[in-house]
């Protein structure tokens, strides 16, 4: 399974994602249900950290954020 697929699954799947944008070292994600986001699975997939604020999730992944966002969009 690709890293992008692991992150997509850990975010609760395509149906849980409202918006996803890369921002230098992180993926900024707006989700429908934050309870479906699995922080430990995101870390296992390579995330450095996960920051939550309501329905906004920031997945810190380092300089590969643009590539991962593109790969995740291809999976959606």
PDB file of N, CA and C in Angstrom:
ATOM      1  N   UNK A   1       0.852  -1.181   0.000  1.00  0.00           N
ATOM      2  CA  UNK A   1       0.000   0.000   0.000  1.00  0.00           C
ATOM      3  C   UNK A   1       0.896   1.242   0.000  1.00  0.00           C
ATOM      4  N   UNK A   2       0.546   2.206  -0.812  1.00  0.00           N
ATOM      5  CA  UNK A   2       1.351   3.426  -0.914  1.00  0.00           C
ATOM      6  C   UNK A   2       1.165   4.303   0.326  1.00  0.00           C
ATOM      7  N   UNK A   3       2.136   5.170   0.537  1.00  0.00           N
ATOM      8  CA  UNK A   3       2.071   6.120   1.653  1.00  0.00           C
ATOM      9  C   UNK A   3       0.832   7.011   1.522  1.00  0.00           C
ATOM     10  N   UNK A   4       0.545   7.433   0.294  1.00  0.00           N
ATOM     11  CA  UNK A   4      -0.635   8.278   0.056  1.00  0.00           C
ATOM     12  C   UNK A   4      -1.912   7.533   0.438  1.00  0.00           C
ATOM     13  N   UNK A   5      -2.012   6.257   0.094  1.00  0.00           N
ATOM     14  CA  UNK A   5      -3.195   5.460   0.433  1.00  0.00           C
ATOM     15  C   UNK A   5      -3.303   5.281   1.937  1.00  0.00           C
ATOM     16  N   UNK A   6      -2.178   5.058   2.604  1.00  0.00           N
ATOM     17  CA  UNK A   6      -2.187   4.912   4.062  1.00  0.00           C
ATOM     18  C   UNK A   6      -2.688   6.193   4.727  1.00  0.00           C
ATOM     19  N   UNK A   7      -2.232   7.337   4.240  1.00  0.00           N
ATOM     20  CA  UNK A   7      -2.656   8.623   4.812  1.00  0.00           C
ATOM     21  C   UNK A   7      -4.141   8.856   4.530  1.00  0.00           C
ATOM     22  N   UNK A   8      -4.568   8.573   3.306  1.00  0.00           N
ATOM     23  CA  UNK A   8      -5.987   8.732   2.956  1.00  0.00           C
ATOM     24  C   UNK A   8      -6.858   7.871   3.868  1.00  0.00           C
ATOM     25  N   UNK A   9      -6.480   6.620   4.063  1.00  0.00           N
ATOM     26  CA  UNK A   9      -7.240   5.726   4.942  1.00  0.00           C
ATOM     27  C   UNK A   9      -7.250   6.233   6.376  1.00  0.00           C
ATOM     28  N   UNK A  10      -6.097   6.719   6.862  1.00  0.00           N
ATOM     29  CA  UNK A  10      -5.990   7.210   8.236  1.00  0.00           C
ATOM     30  C   UNK A  10      -6.795   8.489   8.457  1.00  0.00           C
ATOM     31  N   UNK A  11      -7.057   9.209   7.377  1.00  0.00           N
ATOM     32  CA  UNK A  11      -7.886  10.419   7.477  1.00  0.00           C
ATOM     33  C   UNK A  11      -9.379  10.086   7.448  1.00  0.00           C
ATOM     34  N   UNK A  12      -9.698   8.815   7.404  1.00  0.00           N
ATOM     35  CA  UNK A  12     -11.099   8.400   7.414  1.00  0.00           C
ATOM     36  C   UNK A  12     -11.647   8.110   6.030  1.00  0.00           C
ATOM     37  N   UNK A  13     -10.779   8.081   5.034  1.00  0.00           N
ATOM     38  CA  UNK A  13     -11.210   7.768   3.676  1.00  0.00           C
ATOM     39  C   UNK A  13     -11.672   8.994   2.910  1.00  0.00           C
ATOM     40  N   UNK A  14     -11.873   8.789   1.633  1.00  0.00           N
ATOM     41  CA  UNK A  14     -12.253   9.876   0.725  1.00  0.00           C
ATOM     42  C   UNK A  14     -13.532  10.584   1.167  1.00  0.00           C
ATOM     43  N   UNK A  15     -14.509   9.825   1.650  1.00  0.00           N
ATOM     44  CA  UNK A  15     -15.790  10.416   2.047  1.00  0.00           C
ATOM     45  C   UNK A  15     -15.670  11.357   3.240  1.00  0.00           C
ATOM     46  N   UNK A  16     -14.597  11.232   4.009  1.00  0.00           N
ATOM     47  CA  UNK A  16     -14.420  12.081   5.191  1.00  0.00           C
ATOM     48  C   UNK A  16     -13.681  13.382   4.869  1.00  0.00           C
ATOM     49  N   UNK A  17     -13.096  13.474   3.682  1.00  0.00           N
ATOM     50  CA  UNK A  17     -12.297  14.652   3.339  1.00  0.00           C
ATOM     51  C   UNK A  17     -13.138  15.681   2.590  1.00  0.00           C
ATOM     52  N   UNK A  18     -13.187  16.877   3.145  1.00  0.00           N
ATOM     53  CA  UNK A  18     -13.867  17.998   2.489  1.00  0.00           C
ATOM     54  C   UNK A  18     -12.882  18.708   1.573  1.00  0.00           C
ATOM     55  N   UNK A  19     -11.678  18.978   2.092  1.00  0.00           N
ATOM     56  CA  UNK A  19     -10.656  19.706   1.338  1.00  0.00           C
ATOM     57  C   UNK A  19      -9.278  19.260   1.805  1.00  0.00           C
ATOM     58  N   UNK A  20      -8.329  19.223   0.868  1.00  0.00           N
ATOM     59  CA  UNK A  20      -6.960  18.845   1.191  1.00  0.00           C
ATOM     60  C   UNK A  20      -6.024  19.717   0.368  1.00  0.00           C
ATOM     61  N   UNK A  21      -5.113  20.406   1.061  1.00  0.00           N
ATOM     62  CA  UNK A  21      -4.150  21.277   0.388  1.00  0.00           C
ATOM     63  C   UNK A  21      -2.778  21.118   1.025  1.00  0.00           C
ATOM     64  N   UNK A  22      -1.728  21.103   0.209  1.00  0.00           N
ATOM     65  CA  UNK A  22      -0.378  21.072   0.762  1.00  0.00           C
ATOM     66  C   UNK A  22       0.051  22.473   1.170  1.00  0.00           C
ATOM     67  N   UNK A  23       0.895  22.569   2.188  1.00  0.00           N
ATOM     68  CA  UNK A  23       1.426  23.848   2.636  1.00  0.00           C
ATOM     69  C   UNK A  23       2.850  23.630   3.137  1.00  0.00           C
ATOM     70  N   UNK A  24       3.815  23.730   2.270  1.00  0.00           N
ATOM     71  CA  UNK A  24       5.245  23.575   2.523  1.00  0.00           C
ATOM     72  C   UNK A  24       5.587  22.220   3.150  1.00  0.00           C
ATOM     73  N   UNK A  25       5.329  22.032   4.448  1.00  0.00           N
ATOM     74  CA  UNK A  25       5.720  20.780   5.107  1.00  0.00           C
ATOM     75  C   UNK A  25       4.531  20.009   5.667  1.00  0.00           C
ATOM     76  N   UNK A  26       3.332  20.423   5.309  1.00  0.00           N
ATOM     77  CA  UNK A  26       2.166  19.764   5.898  1.00  0.00           C
ATOM     78  C   UNK A  26       1.017  19.655   4.925  1.00  0.00           C
ATOM     79  N   UNK A  27       0.124  18.749   5.244  1.00  0.00           N
ATOM     80  CA  UNK A  27      -1.133  18.625   4.518  1.00  0.00           C
ATOM     81  C   UNK A  27      -2.198  19.256   5.397  1.00  0.00           C
ATOM     82  N   UNK A  28      -2.864  20.247   4.863  1.00  0.00           N
ATOM     83  CA  UNK A  28      -3.965  20.878   5.595  1.00  0.00           C
ATOM     84  C   UNK A  28      -5.247  20.232   5.095  1.00  0.00           C
ATOM     85  N   UNK A  29      -5.944  19.590   6.006  1.00  0.00           N
ATOM     86  CA  UNK A  29      -7.107  18.796   5.632  1.00  0.00           C
ATOM     87  C   UNK A  29      -8.310  19.244   6.442  1.00  0.00           C
ATOM     88  N   UNK A  30      -9.421  19.432   5.759  1.00  0.00           N
ATOM     89  CA  UNK A  30     -10.685  19.707   6.426  1.00  0.00           C
ATOM     90  C   UNK A  30     -11.516  18.437   6.294  1.00  0.00           C
ATOM     91  N   UNK A  31     -12.004  17.923   7.430  1.00  0.00           N
ATOM     92  CA  UNK A  31     -12.726  16.657   7.424  1.00  0.00           C
ATOM     93  C   UNK A  31     -14.157  16.830   7.903  1.00  0.00           C
ATOM     94  N   UNK A  32     -14.995  15.889   7.513  1.00  0.00           N
ATOM     95  CA  UNK A  32     -16.388  15.888   7.944  1.00  0.00           C
ATOM     96  C   UNK A  32     -16.490  15.476   9.409  1.00  0.00           C
ATOM     97  N   UNK A  33     -15.779  14.392   9.767  1.00  0.00           N
ATOM     98  CA  UNK A  33     -15.847  13.840  11.121  1.00  0.00           C
ATOM     99  C   UNK A  33     -14.438  13.609  11.668  1.00  0.00           C
ATOM    100  N   UNK A  34     -13.952  14.508  12.531  1.00  0.00           N
ATOM    101  CA  UNK A  34     -12.601  14.363  13.085  1.00  0.00           C
ATOM    102  C   UNK A  34     -12.401  13.055  13.861  1.00  0.00           C
ATOM    103  N   UNK A  35     -13.474  12.453  14.361  1.00  0.00           N
ATOM    104  CA  UNK A  35     -13.358  11.206  15.120  1.00  0.00           C
ATOM    105  C   UNK A  35     -12.896  10.047  14.233  1.00  0.00           C
ATOM    106  N   UNK A  36     -13.073  10.161  12.926  1.00  0.00           N
ATOM    107  CA  UNK A  36     -12.649   9.110  11.998  1.00  0.00           C
ATOM    108  C   UNK A  36     -11.155   9.177  11.666  1.00  0.00           C
ATOM    109  N   UNK A  37     -10.485  10.250  12.087  1.00  0.00           N
ATOM    110  CA  UNK A  37      -9.062  10.421  11.806  1.00  0.00           C
ATOM    111  C   UNK A  37      -8.248   9.649  12.842  1.00  0.00           C
ATOM    112  N   UNK A  38      -7.361   8.800  12.358  1.00  0.00           N
ATOM    113  CA  UNK A  38      -6.552   7.939  13.224  1.00  0.00           C
ATOM    114  C   UNK A  38      -5.124   8.492  13.290  1.00  0.00           C
ATOM    115  N   UNK A  39      -4.825   9.210  14.374  1.00  0.00           N
ATOM    116  CA  UNK A  39      -3.511   9.841  14.530  1.00  0.00           C
ATOM    117  C   UNK A  39      -2.366   8.824  14.513  1.00  0.00           C
ATOM    118  N   UNK A  40      -2.539   7.703  15.196  1.00  0.00           N
ATOM    119  CA  UNK A  40      -1.460   6.717  15.250  1.00  0.00           C
ATOM    120  C   UNK A  40      -1.213   6.085  13.884  1.00  0.00           C
ATOM    121  N   UNK A  41      -2.254   5.914  13.087  1.00  0.00           N
ATOM    122  CA  UNK A  41      -2.075   5.390  11.725  1.00  0.00           C
ATOM    123  C   UNK A  41      -1.373   6.421  10.848  1.00  0.00           C
ATOM    124  N   UNK A  42      -1.646   7.704  11.060  1.00  0.00           N
ATOM    125  CA  UNK A  42      -0.947   8.753  10.311  1.00  0.00           C
ATOM    126  C   UNK A  42       0.537   8.747  10.659  1.00  0.00           C
ATOM    127  N   UNK A  43       0.843   8.602  11.939  1.00  0.00           N
ATOM    128  CA  UNK A  43       2.243   8.540  12.369  1.00  0.00           C
ATOM    129  C   UNK A  43       2.922   7.292  11.793  1.00  0.00           C
ATOM    130  N   UNK A  44       2.222   6.165  11.815  1.00  0.00           N
ATOM    131  CA  UNK A  44       2.766   4.926  11.252  1.00  0.00           C
ATOM    132  C   UNK A  44       3.020   5.057   9.756  1.00  0.00           C
ATOM    133  N   UNK A  45       2.229   5.900   9.084  1.00  0.00           N
ATOM    134  CA  UNK A  45       2.384   6.117   7.637  1.00  0.00           C
ATOM    135  C   UNK A  45       3.518   7.089   7.325  1.00  0.00           C
ATOM    136  N   UNK A  46       4.115   7.685   8.372  1.00  0.00           N
ATOM    137  CA  UNK A  46       5.253   8.566   8.150  1.00  0.00           C
ATOM    138  C   UNK A  46       5.055  10.008   8.561  1.00  0.00           C
ATOM    139  N   UNK A  47       3.885  10.342   9.092  1.00  0.00           N
ATOM    140  CA  UNK A  47       3.661  11.716   9.557  1.00  0.00           C
ATOM    141  C   UNK A  47       4.555  12.001  10.758  1.00  0.00           C
ATOM    142  N   UNK A  48       5.121  13.191  10.781  1.00  0.00           N
ATOM    143  CA  UNK A  48       5.957  13.609  11.897  1.00  0.00           C
ATOM    144  C   UNK A  48       5.082  13.957  13.098  1.00  0.00           C
ATOM    145  N   UNK A  49       3.946  14.586  12.821  1.00  0.00           N
ATOM    146  CA  UNK A  49       3.007  14.964  13.873  1.00  0.00           C
ATOM    147  C   UNK A  49       1.647  15.245  13.239  1.00  0.00           C
ATOM    148  N   UNK A  50       0.635  15.303  14.094  1.00  0.00           N
ATOM    149  CA  UNK A  50      -0.727  15.627  13.665  1.00  0.00           C
ATOM    150  C   UNK A  50      -1.231  16.721  14.596  1.00  0.00           C
ATOM    151  N   UNK A  51      -1.738  17.801  14.000  1.00  0.00           N
ATOM    152  CA  UNK A  51      -2.273  18.921  14.775  1.00  0.00           C
ATOM    153  C   UNK A  51      -3.750  19.039  14.439  1.00  0.00           C
ATOM    154  N   UNK A  52      -4.581  19.098  15.484  1.00  0.00           N
ATOM    155  CA  UNK A  52      -6.033  19.157  15.288  1.00  0.00           C
ATOM    156  C   UNK A  52      -6.603  20.478  15.809  1.00  0.00           C
ATOM    157  N   UNK A  53      -7.591  20.976  15.110  1.00  0.00           N
ATOM    158  CA  UNK A  53      -8.355  22.135  15.563  1.00  0.00           C
ATOM    159  C   UNK A  53      -9.749  22.026  14.953  1.00  0.00           C
ATOM    160  N   UNK A  54     -10.664  21.441  15.684  1.00  0.00           N
ATOM    161  CA  UNK A  54     -12.011  21.225  15.164  1.00  0.00           C
ATOM    162  C   UNK A  54     -11.975  20.254  13.988  1.00  0.00           C
ATOM    163  N   UNK A  55     -12.519  20.703  12.848  1.00  0.00           N
ATOM    164  CA  UNK A  55     -12.531  19.839  11.664  1.00  0.00           C
ATOM    165  C   UNK A  55     -11.289  20.026  10.800  1.00  0.00           C
ATOM    166  N   UNK A  56     -10.378  20.892  11.253  1.00  0.00           N
ATOM    167  CA  UNK A  56      -9.129  21.123  10.529  1.00  0.00           C
ATOM    168  C   UNK A  56      -8.032  20.241  11.106  1.00  0.00           C
ATOM    169  N   UNK A  57      -7.406  19.468  10.237  1.00  0.00           N
ATOM    170  CA  UNK A  57      -6.329  18.572  10.628  1.00  0.00           C
ATOM    171  C   UNK A  57      -5.090  18.969   9.837  1.00  0.00           C
ATOM    172  N   UNK A  58      -3.962  19.102  10.509  1.00  0.00           N
ATOM    173  CA  UNK A  58      -2.696  19.334   9.821  1.00  0.00           C
ATOM    174  C   UNK A  58      -1.826  18.104  10.032  1.00  0.00           C
ATOM    175  N   UNK A  59      -1.454  17.487   8.915  1.00  0.00           N
ATOM    176  CA  UNK A  59      -0.600  16.309   8.958  1.00  0.00           C
ATOM    177  C   UNK A  59       0.792  16.768   8.534  1.00  0.00           C
ATOM    178  N   UNK A  60       1.714  16.811   9.461  1.00  0.00           N
ATOM    179  CA  UNK A  60       3.063  17.303   9.174  1.00  0.00           C
ATOM    180  C   UNK A  60       3.880  16.143   8.605  1.00  0.00           C
ATOM    181  N   UNK A  61       4.295  16.308   7.340  1.00  0.00           N
ATOM    182  CA  UNK A  61       4.975  15.229   6.618  1.00  0.00           C
ATOM    183  C   UNK A  61       6.337  15.638   6.080  1.00  0.00           C
ATOM    184  N   UNK A  62       6.718  16.888   6.234  1.00  0.00           N
ATOM    185  CA  UNK A  62       8.005  17.348   5.710  1.00  0.00           C
ATOM    186  C   UNK A  62       7.880  17.827   4.264  1.00  0.00           C
ATOM    187  N   UNK A  63       9.016  17.922   3.577  1.00  0.00           N
ATOM    188  CA  UNK A  63       9.031  18.534   2.243  1.00  0.00           C
ATOM    189  C   UNK A  63       8.311  17.746   1.153  1.00  0.00           C
ATOM    190  N   UNK A  64       7.835  16.553   1.449  1.00  0.00           N
ATOM    191  CA  UNK A  64       7.107  15.776   0.445  1.00  0.00           C
ATOM    192  C   UNK A  64       5.612  16.093   0.423  1.00  0.00           C
ATOM    193  N   UNK A  65       5.180  17.138   1.109  1.00  0.00           N
ATOM    194  CA  UNK A  65       3.759  17.467   1.212  1.00  0.00           C
ATOM    195  C   UNK A  65       3.102  17.668  -0.153  1.00  0.00           C
ATOM    196  N   UNK A  66       3.738  18.391  -1.059  1.00  0.00           N
ATOM    197  CA  UNK A  66       3.153  18.623  -2.382  1.00  0.00           C
ATOM    198  C   UNK A  66       2.940  17.319  -3.138  1.00  0.00           C
ATOM    199  N   UNK A  67       3.946  16.461  -3.111  1.00  0.00           N
ATOM    200  CA  UNK A  67       3.855  15.184  -3.815  1.00  0.00           C
ATOM    201  C   UNK A  67       2.767  14.308  -3.211  1.00  0.00           C
ATOM    202  N   UNK A  68       2.729  14.229  -1.890  1.00  0.00           N
ATOM    203  CA  UNK A  68       1.713  13.419  -1.233  1.00  0.00           C
ATOM    204  C   UNK A  68       0.308  13.945  -1.512  1.00  0.00           C
ATOM    205  N   UNK A  69       0.134  15.252  -1.481  1.00  0.00           N
ATOM    206  CA  UNK A  69      -1.193  15.823  -1.760  1.00  0.00           C
ATOM    207  C   UNK A  69      -1.628  15.459  -3.172  1.00  0.00           C
ATOM    208  N   UNK A  70      -0.722  15.534  -4.120  1.00  0.00           N
ATOM    209  CA  UNK A  70      -1.030  15.174  -5.507  1.00  0.00           C
ATOM    210  C   UNK A  70      -1.377  13.687  -5.614  1.00  0.00           C
ATOM    211  N   UNK A  71      -0.612  12.840  -4.938  1.00  0.00           N
ATOM    212  CA  UNK A  71      -0.865  11.400  -4.965  1.00  0.00           C
ATOM    213  C   UNK A  71      -2.205  11.067  -4.322  1.00  0.00           C
ATOM    214  N   UNK A  72      -2.551  11.741  -3.229  1.00  0.00           N
ATOM    215  CA  UNK A  72      -3.832  11.510  -2.571  1.00  0.00           C
ATOM    216  C   UNK A  72      -4.976  11.961  -3.471  1.00  0.00           C
ATOM    217  N   UNK A  73      -4.832  13.106  -4.118  1.00  0.00           N
ATOM    218  CA  UNK A  73      -5.871  13.570  -5.042  1.00  0.00           C
ATOM    219  C   UNK A  73      -6.081  12.579  -6.185  1.00  0.00           C
ATOM    220  N   UNK A  74      -5.001  11.957  -6.651  1.00  0.00           N
ATOM    221  CA  UNK A  74      -5.111  10.939  -7.707  1.00  0.00           C
ATOM    222  C   UNK A  74      -5.916   9.730  -7.229  1.00  0.00           C
ATOM    223  N   UNK A  75      -5.850   9.433  -5.943  1.00  0.00           N
ATOM    224  CA  UNK A  75      -6.585   8.293  -5.376  1.00  0.00           C
ATOM    225  C   UNK A  75      -8.051   8.599  -5.141  1.00  0.00           C
ATOM    226  N   UNK A  76      -8.392   9.861  -5.054  1.00  0.00           N
ATOM    227  CA  UNK A  76      -9.778  10.268  -4.743  1.00  0.00           C
ATOM    228  C   UNK A  76     -10.639  10.173  -5.935  1.00  0.00           C
TER     229      UNK A  76
END
